[in-house]
């Protein structure tokens, strides 16, 4: 993943936790499929061959304007994966006849 000199980069420098939501749209939101990833920043790469390679790939696929906005590459560890939609459990212990 990559980002520019923006608030995301500044926030991750202070707080390395992040959440990424991945979904495949459907006819209605309750039919969406996907997952929620809890992440922890492993590396923020601001120089070197990894950054240059990433910038070159973005330029080839998304154009030079997009590539020019990249200032670093972000590498994350996946801490947990959960469903996109988690239905609450119903506690019936408080229900009386």
PDB file of N, CA and C in Angstrom:
ATOM      1  N   UNK A   1       0.859  -1.147   0.000  1.00  0.00           N
ATOM      2  CA  UNK A   1       0.000   0.000   0.000  1.00  0.00           C
ATOM      3  C   UNK A   1       0.913   1.219   0.000  1.00  0.00           C
ATOM      4  N   UNK A   2       0.450   2.313  -0.566  1.00  0.00           N
ATOM      5  CA  UNK A   2       1.243   3.549  -0.603  1.00  0.00           C
ATOM      6  C   UNK A   2       0.366   4.729  -0.241  1.00  0.00           C
ATOM      7  N   UNK A   3       1.011   5.804   0.156  1.00  0.00           N
ATOM      8  CA  UNK A   3       0.292   7.039   0.463  1.00  0.00           C
ATOM      9  C   UNK A   3       1.199   8.224   0.176  1.00  0.00           C
ATOM     10  N   UNK A   4       0.614   9.406   0.244  1.00  0.00           N
ATOM     11  CA  UNK A   4       1.377  10.624   0.042  1.00  0.00           C
ATOM     12  C   UNK A   4       1.665  11.298   1.374  1.00  0.00           C
ATOM     13  N   UNK A   5       2.118  12.527   1.313  1.00  0.00           N
ATOM     14  CA  UNK A   5       2.329  13.316   2.532  1.00  0.00           C
ATOM     15  C   UNK A   5       0.969  13.854   2.955  1.00  0.00           C
ATOM     16  N   UNK A   6       0.279  13.093   3.775  1.00  0.00           N
ATOM     17  CA  UNK A   6      -1.085  13.449   4.147  1.00  0.00           C
ATOM     18  C   UNK A   6      -1.366  13.057   5.597  1.00  0.00           C
ATOM     19  N   UNK A   7      -2.593  13.225   6.008  1.00  0.00           N
ATOM     20  CA  UNK A   7      -2.989  12.932   7.388  1.00  0.00           C
ATOM     21  C   UNK A   7      -2.873  11.444   7.708  1.00  0.00           C
ATOM     22  N   UNK A   8      -3.142  10.576   6.740  1.00  0.00           N
ATOM     23  CA  UNK A   8      -3.000   9.137   6.977  1.00  0.00           C
ATOM     24  C   UNK A   8      -1.568   8.802   7.377  1.00  0.00           C
ATOM     25  N   UNK A   9      -0.618   9.316   6.637  1.00  0.00           N
ATOM     26  CA  UNK A   9       0.794   9.067   6.946  1.00  0.00           C
ATOM     27  C   UNK A   9       1.144   9.619   8.324  1.00  0.00           C
ATOM     28  N   UNK A  10       0.706  10.813   8.621  1.00  0.00           N
ATOM     29  CA  UNK A  10       0.982  11.427   9.930  1.00  0.00           C
ATOM     30  C   UNK A  10       0.352  10.611  11.054  1.00  0.00           C
ATOM     31  N   UNK A  11      -0.890  10.177  10.871  1.00  0.00           N
ATOM     32  CA  UNK A  11      -1.577   9.385  11.902  1.00  0.00           C
ATOM     33  C   UNK A  11      -0.886   8.043  12.134  1.00  0.00           C
ATOM     34  N   UNK A  12      -0.488   7.366  11.064  1.00  0.00           N
ATOM     35  CA  UNK A  12       0.171   6.071  11.214  1.00  0.00           C
ATOM     36  C   UNK A  12       1.537   6.198  11.878  1.00  0.00           C
ATOM     37  N   UNK A  13       2.185   7.337  11.718  1.00  0.00           N
ATOM     38  CA  UNK A  13       3.475   7.561  12.370  1.00  0.00           C
ATOM     39  C   UNK A  13       3.321   7.612  13.883  1.00  0.00           C
ATOM     40  N   UNK A  14       2.154   8.055  14.353  1.00  0.00           N
ATOM     41  CA  UNK A  14       1.883   8.177  15.786  1.00  0.00           C
ATOM     42  C   UNK A  14       1.149   6.950  16.322  1.00  0.00           C
ATOM     43  N   UNK A  15       0.173   6.463  15.563  1.00  0.00           N
ATOM     44  CA  UNK A  15      -0.671   5.332  15.981  1.00  0.00           C
ATOM     45  C   UNK A  15      -0.647   4.299  14.856  1.00  0.00           C
ATOM     46  N   UNK A  16       0.093   3.203  15.036  1.00  0.00           N
ATOM     47  CA  UNK A  16       0.285   2.254  13.931  1.00  0.00           C
ATOM     48  C   UNK A  16      -0.889   1.306  13.656  1.00  0.00           C
ATOM     49  N   UNK A  17      -1.994   1.450  14.377  1.00  0.00           N
ATOM     50  CA  UNK A  17      -3.148   0.579  14.139  1.00  0.00           C
ATOM     51  C   UNK A  17      -3.991   1.131  12.999  1.00  0.00           C
ATOM     52  N   UNK A  18      -4.538   0.225  12.191  1.00  0.00           N
ATOM     53  CA  UNK A  18      -5.387   0.636  11.070  1.00  0.00           C
ATOM     54  C   UNK A  18      -6.447  -0.426  10.832  1.00  0.00           C
ATOM     55  N   UNK A  19      -7.487  -0.047  10.112  1.00  0.00           N
ATOM     56  CA  UNK A  19      -8.554  -0.972   9.741  1.00  0.00           C
ATOM     57  C   UNK A  19      -8.777  -0.827   8.238  1.00  0.00           C
ATOM     58  N   UNK A  20      -8.888  -1.961   7.567  1.00  0.00           N
ATOM     59  CA  UNK A  20      -9.162  -1.978   6.141  1.00  0.00           C
ATOM     60  C   UNK A  20     -10.428  -2.792   5.924  1.00  0.00           C
ATOM     61  N   UNK A  21     -11.403  -2.201   5.260  1.00  0.00           N
ATOM     62  CA  UNK A  21     -12.644  -2.887   4.956  1.00  0.00           C
ATOM     63  C   UNK A  21     -12.637  -3.225   3.467  1.00  0.00           C
ATOM     64  N   UNK A  22     -12.852  -4.498   3.175  1.00  0.00           N
ATOM     65  CA  UNK A  22     -12.880  -4.986   1.799  1.00  0.00           C
ATOM     66  C   UNK A  22     -14.275  -5.537   1.553  1.00  0.00           C
ATOM     67  N   UNK A  23     -14.912  -5.098   0.459  1.00  0.00           N
ATOM     68  CA  UNK A  23     -16.239  -5.636   0.181  1.00  0.00           C
ATOM     69  C   UNK A  23     -16.509  -5.715  -1.303  1.00  0.00           C
ATOM     70  N   UNK A  24     -17.439  -6.625  -1.627  1.00  0.00           N
ATOM     71  CA  UNK A  24     -17.929  -6.788  -2.993  1.00  0.00           C
ATOM     72  C   UNK A  24     -19.383  -6.339  -2.967  1.00  0.00           C
ATOM     73  N   UNK A  25     -19.710  -5.248  -3.646  1.00  0.00           N
ATOM     74  CA  UNK A  25     -21.088  -4.742  -3.630  1.00  0.00           C
ATOM     75  C   UNK A  25     -22.086  -5.751  -4.200  1.00  0.00           C
ATOM     76  N   UNK A  26     -23.313  -5.606  -3.760  1.00  0.00           N
ATOM     77  CA  UNK A  26     -24.413  -6.438  -4.248  1.00  0.00           C
ATOM     78  C   UNK A  26     -25.641  -5.543  -4.442  1.00  0.00           C
ATOM     79  N   UNK A  27     -26.778  -6.150  -4.739  1.00  0.00           N
ATOM     80  CA  UNK A  27     -27.995  -5.381  -4.990  1.00  0.00           C
ATOM     81  C   UNK A  27     -28.453  -4.576  -3.789  1.00  0.00           C
ATOM     82  N   UNK A  28     -28.153  -5.069  -2.593  1.00  0.00           N
ATOM     83  CA  UNK A  28     -28.535  -4.375  -1.359  1.00  0.00           C
ATOM     84  C   UNK A  28     -27.387  -4.511  -0.356  1.00  0.00           C
ATOM     85  N   UNK A  29     -27.187  -3.515   0.496  1.00  0.00           N
ATOM     86  CA  UNK A  29     -26.057  -3.560   1.441  1.00  0.00           C
ATOM     87  C   UNK A  29     -26.004  -4.817   2.307  1.00  0.00           C
ATOM     88  N   UNK A  30     -27.145  -5.354   2.704  1.00  0.00           N
ATOM     89  CA  UNK A  30     -27.114  -6.544   3.555  1.00  0.00           C
ATOM     90  C   UNK A  30     -26.637  -7.794   2.805  1.00  0.00           C
ATOM     91  N   UNK A  31     -26.511  -7.698   1.493  1.00  0.00           N
ATOM     92  CA  UNK A  31     -26.016  -8.811   0.693  1.00  0.00           C
ATOM     93  C   UNK A  31     -24.538  -8.669   0.325  1.00  0.00           C
ATOM     94  N   UNK A  32     -23.918  -7.546   0.722  1.00  0.00           N
ATOM     95  CA  UNK A  32     -22.489  -7.345   0.439  1.00  0.00           C
ATOM     96  C   UNK A  32     -21.686  -8.489   1.055  1.00  0.00           C
ATOM     97  N   UNK A  33     -20.638  -8.881   0.371  1.00  0.00           N
ATOM     98  CA  UNK A  33     -19.694  -9.854   0.914  1.00  0.00           C
ATOM     99  C   UNK A  33     -18.386  -9.117   1.176  1.00  0.00           C
ATOM    100  N   UNK A  34     -17.686  -9.520   2.205  1.00  0.00           N
ATOM    101  CA  UNK A  34     -16.411  -8.897   2.464  1.00  0.00           C
ATOM    102  C   UNK A  34     -15.866  -9.237   3.833  1.00  0.00           C
ATOM    103  N   UNK A  35     -14.855  -8.475   4.225  1.00  0.00           N
ATOM    104  CA  UNK A  35     -14.213  -8.700   5.508  1.00  0.00           C
ATOM    105  C   UNK A  35     -13.618  -7.396   6.029  1.00  0.00           C
ATOM    106  N   UNK A  36     -13.338  -7.418   7.308  1.00  0.00           N
ATOM    107  CA  UNK A  36     -12.721  -6.284   7.990  1.00  0.00           C
ATOM    108  C   UNK A  36     -11.366  -6.764   8.520  1.00  0.00           C
ATOM    109  N   UNK A  37     -10.292  -6.091   8.120  1.00  0.00           N
ATOM    110  CA  UNK A  37      -8.945  -6.459   8.548  1.00  0.00           C
ATOM    111  C   UNK A  37      -8.431  -5.448   9.565  1.00  0.00           C
ATOM    112  N   UNK A  38      -8.003  -5.932  10.727  1.00  0.00           N
ATOM    113  CA  UNK A  38      -7.313  -5.071  11.691  1.00  0.00           C
ATOM    114  C   UNK A  38      -5.830  -5.214  11.411  1.00  0.00           C
ATOM    115  N   UNK A  39      -5.167  -4.075  11.210  1.00  0.00           N
ATOM    116  CA  UNK A  39      -3.775  -4.053  10.772  1.00  0.00           C
ATOM    117  C   UNK A  39      -2.888  -3.320  11.772  1.00  0.00           C
ATOM    118  N   UNK A  40      -1.597  -3.632  11.717  1.00  0.00           N
ATOM    119  CA  UNK A  40      -0.598  -2.885  12.476  1.00  0.00           C
ATOM    120  C   UNK A  40       0.540  -2.572  11.512  1.00  0.00           C
ATOM    121  N   UNK A  41       0.915  -1.298  11.455  1.00  0.00           N
ATOM    122  CA  UNK A  41       1.985  -0.862  10.558  1.00  0.00           C
ATOM    123  C   UNK A  41       3.290  -1.553  10.928  1.00  0.00           C
ATOM    124  N   UNK A  42       3.896  -2.202   9.933  1.00  0.00           N
ATOM    125  CA  UNK A  42       5.176  -2.869  10.127  1.00  0.00           C
ATOM    126  C   UNK A  42       6.318  -1.963   9.665  1.00  0.00           C
ATOM    127  N   UNK A  43       6.153  -1.375   8.472  1.00  0.00           N
ATOM    128  CA  UNK A  43       7.188  -0.507   7.907  1.00  0.00           C
ATOM    129  C   UNK A  43       6.563   0.660   7.168  1.00  0.00           C
ATOM    130  N   UNK A  44       7.212   1.797   7.254  1.00  0.00           N
ATOM    131  CA  UNK A  44       6.874   2.971   6.465  1.00  0.00           C
ATOM    132  C   UNK A  44       8.152   3.296   5.689  1.00  0.00           C
ATOM    133  N   UNK A  45       8.147   2.987   4.407  1.00  0.00           N
ATOM    134  CA  UNK A  45       9.359   3.078   3.576  1.00  0.00           C
ATOM    135  C   UNK A  45       9.317   4.369   2.759  1.00  0.00           C
ATOM    136  N   UNK A  46      10.267   5.265   3.010  1.00  0.00           N
ATOM    137  CA  UNK A  46      10.276   6.573   2.349  1.00  0.00           C
ATOM    138  C   UNK A  46      11.398   6.739   1.327  1.00  0.00           C
ATOM    139  N   UNK A  47      12.303   5.775   1.242  1.00  0.00           N
ATOM    140  CA  UNK A  47      13.400   5.831   0.265  1.00  0.00           C
ATOM    141  C   UNK A  47      13.743   4.420  -0.179  1.00  0.00           C
ATOM    142  N   UNK A  48      14.463   4.337  -1.282  1.00  0.00           N
ATOM    143  CA  UNK A  48      15.000   3.051  -1.704  1.00  0.00           C
ATOM    144  C   UNK A  48      14.275   2.400  -2.861  1.00  0.00           C
ATOM    145  N   UNK A  49      14.741   1.193  -3.175  1.00  0.00           N
ATOM    146  CA  UNK A  49      14.276   0.496  -4.373  1.00  0.00           C
ATOM    147  C   UNK A  49      12.814   0.050  -4.279  1.00  0.00           C
ATOM    148  N   UNK A  50      12.341  -0.293  -3.081  1.00  0.00           N
ATOM    149  CA  UNK A  50      10.942  -0.705  -2.936  1.00  0.00           C
ATOM    150  C   UNK A  50      10.023   0.455  -3.298  1.00  0.00           C
ATOM    151  N   UNK A  51      10.320   1.629  -2.775  1.00  0.00           N
ATOM    152  CA  UNK A  51       9.518   2.817  -3.093  1.00  0.00           C
ATOM    153  C   UNK A  51       9.587   3.137  -4.578  1.00  0.00           C
ATOM    154  N   UNK A  52      10.785   3.145  -5.148  1.00  0.00           N
ATOM    155  CA  UNK A  52      10.941   3.477  -6.568  1.00  0.00           C
ATOM    156  C   UNK A  52      10.204   2.482  -7.465  1.00  0.00           C
ATOM    157  N   UNK A  53      10.253   1.208  -7.123  1.00  0.00           N
ATOM    158  CA  UNK A  53       9.541   0.178  -7.891  1.00  0.00           C
ATOM    159  C   UNK A  53       8.032   0.378  -7.807  1.00  0.00           C
ATOM    160  N   UNK A  54       7.549   0.698  -6.619  1.00  0.00           N
ATOM    161  CA  UNK A  54       6.121   0.936  -6.428  1.00  0.00           C
ATOM    162  C   UNK A  54       5.670   2.134  -7.253  1.00  0.00           C
ATOM    163  N   UNK A  55       6.431   3.222  -7.205  1.00  0.00           N
ATOM    164  CA  UNK A  55       6.098   4.432  -7.962  1.00  0.00           C
ATOM    165  C   UNK A  55       6.064   4.126  -9.460  1.00  0.00           C
ATOM    166  N   UNK A  56       7.025   3.354  -9.935  1.00  0.00           N
ATOM    167  CA  UNK A  56       7.077   2.996 -11.358  1.00  0.00           C
ATOM    168  C   UNK A  56       5.847   2.162 -11.748  1.00  0.00           C
ATOM    169  N   UNK A  57       5.481   1.194 -10.917  1.00  0.00           N
ATOM    170  CA  UNK A  57       4.296   0.371 -11.208  1.00  0.00           C
ATOM    171  C   UNK A  57       3.028   1.213 -11.233  1.00  0.00           C
ATOM    172  N   UNK A  58       2.888   2.131 -10.293  1.00  0.00           N
ATOM    173  CA  UNK A  58       1.708   2.999 -10.273  1.00  0.00           C
ATOM    174  C   UNK A  58       1.673   3.881 -11.518  1.00  0.00           C
ATOM    175  N   UNK A  59       2.806   4.416 -11.908  1.00  0.00           N
ATOM    176  CA  UNK A  59       2.871   5.252 -13.116  1.00  0.00           C
ATOM    177  C   UNK A  59       2.407   4.465 -14.348  1.00  0.00           C
ATOM    178  N   UNK A  60       2.815   3.206 -14.451  1.00  0.00           N
ATOM    179  CA  UNK A  60       2.446   2.379 -15.602  1.00  0.00           C
ATOM    180  C   UNK A  60       0.958   2.032 -15.619  1.00  0.00           C
ATOM    181  N   UNK A  61       0.368   1.833 -14.439  1.00  0.00           N
ATOM    182  CA  UNK A  61      -1.024   1.371 -14.374  1.00  0.00           C
ATOM    183  C   UNK A  61      -2.040   2.475 -14.113  1.00  0.00           C
ATOM    184  N   UNK A  62      -1.634   3.531 -13.416  1.00  0.00           N
ATOM    185  CA  UNK A  62      -2.596   4.582 -13.043  1.00  0.00           C
ATOM    186  C   UNK A  62      -2.202   5.962 -13.557  1.00  0.00           C
ATOM    187  N   UNK A  63      -1.007   6.082 -14.098  1.00  0.00           N
ATOM    188  CA  UNK A  63      -0.577   7.358 -14.657  1.00  0.00           C
ATOM    189  C   UNK A  63       0.429   8.087 -13.772  1.00  0.00           C
ATOM    190  N   UNK A  64       1.134   9.012 -14.392  1.00  0.00           N
ATOM    191  CA  UNK A  64       2.198   9.735 -13.705  1.00  0.00           C
ATOM    192  C   UNK A  64       1.669  10.645 -12.600  1.00  0.00           C
ATOM    193  N   UNK A  65       0.499  11.221 -12.794  1.00  0.00           N
ATOM    194  CA  UNK A  65      -0.076  12.090 -11.765  1.00  0.00           C
ATOM    195  C   UNK A  65      -0.278  11.320 -10.464  1.00  0.00           C
ATOM    196  N   UNK A  66      -0.821  10.115 -10.550  1.00  0.00           N
ATOM    197  CA  UNK A  66      -1.003   9.277  -9.351  1.00  0.00           C
ATOM    198  C   UNK A  66       0.343   8.909  -8.746  1.00  0.00           C
ATOM    199  N   UNK A  67       1.301   8.556  -9.578  1.00  0.00           N
ATOM    200  CA  UNK A  67       2.631   8.174  -9.087  1.00  0.00           C
ATOM    201  C   UNK A  67       3.327   9.327  -8.385  1.00  0.00           C
ATOM    202  N   UNK A  68       3.134  10.531  -8.884  1.00  0.00           N
ATOM    203  CA  UNK A  68       3.782  11.706  -8.283  1.00  0.00           C
ATOM    204  C   UNK A  68       3.286  11.996  -6.878  1.00  0.00           C
ATOM    205  N   UNK A  69       2.117  11.507  -6.520  1.00  0.00           N
ATOM    206  CA  UNK A  69       1.564  11.789  -5.193  1.00  0.00           C
ATOM    207  C   UNK A  69       2.083  10.840  -4.111  1.00  0.00           C
ATOM    208  N   UNK A  70       2.793   9.795  -4.508  1.00  0.00           N
ATOM    209  CA  UNK A  70       3.270   8.800  -3.543  1.00  0.00           C
ATOM    210  C   UNK A  70       4.545   9.287  -2.858  1.00  0.00           C
ATOM    211  N   UNK A  71       4.529   9.240  -1.521  1.00  0.00           N
ATOM    212  CA  UNK A  71       5.733   9.607  -0.768  1.00  0.00           C
ATOM    213  C   UNK A  71       6.295   8.447   0.041  1.00  0.00           C
ATOM    214  N   UNK A  72       5.492   7.389   0.220  1.00  0.00           N
ATOM    215  CA  UNK A  72       5.993   6.243   0.979  1.00  0.00           C
ATOM    216  C   UNK A  72       5.167   5.005   0.680  1.00  0.00           C
ATOM    217  N   UNK A  73       5.775   3.869   0.966  1.00  0.00           N
ATOM    218  CA  UNK A  73       5.101   2.573   0.873  1.00  0.00           C
ATOM    219  C   UNK A  73       4.858   2.095   2.295  1.00  0.00           C
ATOM    220  N   UNK A  74       3.666   1.556   2.535  1.00  0.00           N
ATOM    221  CA  UNK A  74       3.285   1.084   3.856  1.00  0.00           C
ATOM    222  C   UNK A  74       3.178  -0.433   3.833  1.00  0.00           C
ATOM    223  N   UNK A  75       3.754  -1.076   4.831  1.00  0.00           N
ATOM    224  CA  UNK A  75       3.668  -2.523   4.976  1.00  0.00           C
ATOM    225  C   UNK A  75       2.996  -2.814   6.317  1.00  0.00           C
ATOM    226  N   UNK A  76       1.982  -3.683   6.298  1.00  0.00           N
ATOM    227  CA  UNK A  76       1.198  -3.974   7.494  1.00  0.00           C
ATOM    228  C   UNK A  76       1.246  -5.449   7.851  1.00  0.00           C
ATOM    229  N   UNK A  77       1.086  -5.744   9.130  1.00  0.00           N
ATOM    230  CA  UNK A  77       0.795  -7.091   9.608  1.00  0.00           C
ATOM    231  C   UNK A  77      -0.714  -7.165   9.817  1.00  0.00           C
ATOM    232  N   UNK A  78      -1.316  -8.284   9.434  1.00  0.00           N
ATOM    233  CA  UNK A  78      -2.739  -8.490   9.686  1.00  0.00           C
ATOM    234  C   UNK A  78      -2.876  -9.069  11.087  1.00  0.00           C
ATOM    235  N   UNK A  79      -3.564  -8.327  11.950  1.00  0.00           N
ATOM    236  CA  UNK A  79      -3.733  -8.753  13.339  1.00  0.00           C
ATOM    237  C   UNK A  79      -4.976  -9.633  13.509  1.00  0.00           C
ATOM    238  N   UNK A  80      -6.032  -9.318  12.771  1.00  0.00           N
ATOM    239  CA  UNK A  80      -7.233 -10.145  12.818  1.00  0.00           C
ATOM    240  C   UNK A  80      -8.094  -9.890  11.583  1.00  0.00           C
ATOM    241  N   UNK A  81      -8.933 -10.877  11.293  1.00  0.00           N
ATOM    242  CA  UNK A  81      -9.878 -10.791  10.177  1.00  0.00           C
ATOM    243  C   UNK A  81     -11.251 -11.105  10.740  1.00  0.00           C
ATOM    244  N   UNK A  82     -12.225 -10.253  10.416  1.00  0.00           N
ATOM    245  CA  UNK A  82     -13.597 -10.502  10.868  1.00  0.00           C
ATOM    246  C   UNK A  82     -14.556 -10.271   9.707  1.00  0.00           C
ATOM    247  N   UNK A  83     -15.774 -10.793   9.818  1.00  0.00           N
ATOM    248  CA  UNK A  83     -16.752 -10.612   8.742  1.00  0.00           C
ATOM    249  C   UNK A  83     -17.088  -9.131   8.551  1.00  0.00           C
ATOM    250  N   UNK A  84     -17.489  -8.805   7.354  1.00  0.00           N
ATOM    251  CA  UNK A  84     -17.909  -7.435   7.062  1.00  0.00           C
ATOM    252  C   UNK A  84     -19.094  -7.052   7.926  1.00  0.00           C
ATOM    253  N   UNK A  85     -20.040  -7.962   8.058  1.00  0.00           N
ATOM    254  CA  UNK A  85     -21.219  -7.717   8.884  1.00  0.00           C
ATOM    255  C   UNK A  85     -21.243  -8.765   9.985  1.00  0.00           C
ATOM    256  N   UNK A  86     -21.231  -8.298  11.227  1.00  0.00           N
ATOM    257  CA  UNK A  86     -21.341  -9.203  12.374  1.00  0.00           C
ATOM    258  C   UNK A  86     -22.706  -8.994  13.003  1.00  0.00           C
ATOM    259  N   UNK A  87     -23.523 -10.005  12.943  1.00  0.00           N
ATOM    260  CA  UNK A  87     -24.853  -9.896  13.537  1.00  0.00           C
ATOM    261  C   UNK A  87     -24.732 -10.018  15.051  1.00  0.00           C
ATOM    262  N   UNK A  88     -25.426  -9.156  15.784  1.00  0.00           N
ATOM    263  CA  UNK A  88     -25.344  -9.233  17.243  1.00  0.00           C
ATOM    264  C   UNK A  88     -26.007 -10.504  17.755  1.00  0.00           C
ATOM    265  N   UNK A  89     -25.496 -10.977  18.885  1.00  0.00           N
ATOM    266  CA  UNK A  89     -26.146 -12.124  19.508  1.00  0.00           C
ATOM    267  C   UNK A  89     -27.258 -11.612  20.402  1.00  0.00           C
ATOM    268  N   UNK A  90     -28.296 -12.365  20.502  1.00  0.00           N
ATOM    269  CA  UNK A  90     -29.461 -11.970  21.289  1.00  0.00           C
ATOM    270  C   UNK A  90     -29.388 -12.657  22.645  1.00  0.00           C
ATOM    271  N   UNK A  91     -29.315 -11.866  23.698  1.00  0.00           N
ATOM    272  CA  UNK A  91     -29.276 -12.386  25.060  1.00  0.00           C
ATOM    273  C   UNK A  91     -30.706 -12.470  25.574  1.00  0.00           C
ATOM    274  N   UNK A  92     -31.198 -13.682  25.692  1.00  0.00           N
ATOM    275  CA  UNK A  92     -32.571 -13.893  26.132  1.00  0.00           C
ATOM    276  C   UNK A  92     -32.673 -14.116  27.631  1.00  0.00           C
ATOM    277  N   UNK A  93     -31.567 -14.017  28.361  1.00  0.00           N
ATOM    278  CA  UNK A  93     -31.595 -14.294  29.795  1.00  0.00           C
ATOM    279  C   UNK A  93     -32.449 -13.274  30.561  1.00  0.00           C
ATOM    280  N   UNK A  94     -32.628 -12.080  30.033  1.00  0.00           N
ATOM    281  CA  UNK A  94     -33.421 -11.061  30.727  1.00  0.00           C
ATOM    282  C   UNK A  94     -34.902 -11.132  30.369  1.00  0.00           C
ATOM    283  N   UNK A  95     -35.258 -12.001  29.426  1.00  0.00           N
ATOM    284  CA  UNK A  95     -36.659 -12.102  28.990  1.00  0.00           C
ATOM    285  C   UNK A  95     -37.416 -12.997  29.968  1.00  0.00           C
ATOM    286  N   UNK A  96     -38.560 -12.497  30.419  1.00  0.00           N
ATOM    287  CA  UNK A  96     -39.399 -13.281  31.329  1.00  0.00           C
ATOM    288  C   UNK A  96     -40.747 -13.546  30.667  1.00  0.00           C
ATOM    289  N   UNK A  97     -41.440 -14.579  31.139  1.00  0.00           N
ATOM    290  CA  UNK A  97     -42.767 -14.923  30.592  1.00  0.00           C
ATOM    291  C   UNK A  97     -43.813 -13.947  31.057  1.00  0.00           C
TER     292      UNK A  97
END
